[in-house]
Protein backbone atom coordinates (compact mmCIF):
# COMPACT_ATOMS: atom_id res chain seq x y z
CA UNK A 1 0.00 0.00 0.00
CA UNK A 2 1.09 3.53 -0.78
CA UNK A 3 -0.04 6.50 1.29
CA UNK A 4 -0.49 9.65 -0.78
CA UNK A 5 -1.16 12.88 1.10
CA UNK A 6 -2.52 15.95 -0.63
CA UNK A 7 -4.37 13.57 -2.92
CA UNK A 8 -7.30 15.88 -3.67
CA UNK A 9 -5.44 17.82 -6.37
CA UNK A 10 -2.18 18.47 -8.18
CA UNK A 11 0.81 16.18 -7.76
CA UNK A 12 -0.87 14.13 -5.03
CA UNK A 13 -3.93 13.39 -7.15
CA UNK A 14 -1.85 12.53 -10.22
CA UNK A 15 0.42 10.29 -8.18
CA UNK A 16 -2.50 8.44 -6.59
CA UNK A 17 -4.05 7.83 -10.01
CA UNK A 18 -0.74 6.69 -11.51
CA UNK A 19 -0.09 4.24 -8.67
CA UNK A 20 -3.63 2.87 -8.82
CA UNK A 21 -3.27 2.53 -12.59
CA UNK A 22 -0.22 0.33 -12.02
CA UNK A 23 -2.31 -1.91 -9.78
CA UNK A 24 -0.97 -0.58 -6.48
CA UNK A 25 -3.23 -0.12 -3.47
CA UNK A 26 -3.40 3.54 -2.49
CA UNK A 27 -4.66 5.29 0.62
CA UNK A 28 -5.47 8.80 -0.60
CA UNK A 29 -5.38 11.37 2.19
CA UNK A 30 -6.67 14.95 1.96
CA UNK A 31 -8.99 17.37 3.71
CA UNK A 32 -11.64 17.51 0.98
CA UNK A 33 -14.00 14.56 1.22
CA UNK A 34 -15.72 15.51 -2.05
CA UNK A 35 -12.44 15.65 -3.98
CA UNK A 36 -11.34 12.33 -2.48
CA UNK A 37 -14.64 10.71 -3.46
CA UNK A 38 -14.18 11.93 -7.05
CA UNK A 39 -10.63 10.57 -7.04
CA UNK A 40 -11.85 7.22 -5.74
CA UNK A 41 -14.51 7.01 -8.44
CA UNK A 42 -11.92 7.71 -11.13
CA UNK A 43 -9.18 5.49 -9.68
CA UNK A 44 -11.36 2.52 -8.90
CA UNK A 45 -11.07 -0.15 -6.28
CA UNK A 46 -7.32 0.32 -5.74
CA UNK A 47 -7.92 3.68 -4.07
CA UNK A 48 -9.27 4.02 -0.57
CA UNK A 49 -9.67 7.41 1.04
CA UNK A 50 -9.17 9.11 4.35
CA UNK A 51 -10.38 12.64 4.90
CA UNK A 52 -7.84 14.15 7.28
CA UNK A 53 -6.05 17.38 8.12
CA UNK A 54 -2.48 16.35 8.87
CA UNK A 55 -1.96 19.38 11.11
CA UNK A 56 -4.50 17.93 13.58
CA UNK A 57 -3.22 15.31 16.03
CA UNK A 58 -6.48 13.33 16.05
CA UNK A 59 -6.38 13.08 12.25
CA UNK A 60 -2.81 11.79 12.38
CA UNK A 61 -3.99 9.17 14.85
CA UNK A 62 -6.75 8.21 12.39
CA UNK A 63 -4.12 7.75 9.67
CA UNK A 64 -2.08 5.47 11.91
CA UNK A 65 -5.18 3.44 12.77
CA UNK A 66 -6.22 3.20 9.11
CA UNK A 67 -2.87 1.69 8.14
CA UNK A 68 -2.06 -0.36 11.23
CA UNK A 69 -2.71 -3.71 9.56
CA UNK A 70 -1.05 -2.90 6.22
CA UNK A 71 2.47 -3.09 4.86
CA UNK A 72 3.40 0.40 3.70
CA UNK A 73 5.37 0.26 0.44
CA UNK A 74 5.84 4.01 0.21
CA UNK A 75 4.62 7.44 1.21
CA UNK A 76 4.19 10.40 -1.10
CA UNK A 77 3.78 13.47 1.08
CA UNK A 78 2.46 16.20 -1.16
CA UNK A 79 0.09 17.94 1.24
CA UNK A 80 0.49 21.70 1.21
CA UNK A 81 0.89 23.85 4.25
C-alpha cells in the first residue's frame, strides 16, 4: 500500500491515479471529502480514502489506525501547508 497525502489535487492526485493505474493499493489522504470521493470514483477499487487534516493530532492518529494492519510500500507526502 502507498499513502499519498494531498491527494485531492495536483501532484498528489496525479500520483495516486498513476499508482492505482499500475495496480498498487493507495490510501489517498486529503482534507476535501468531495475531492477524495471523485478521485476514488476515477481510480477505482485500488484507491481508498481518508479525509484528514495532517496538522490535527487526532487526524494523524486516524491515519495510523487506518494503516495499522497494512504493509506500507511508500509514502508520497504532497500535502500543502
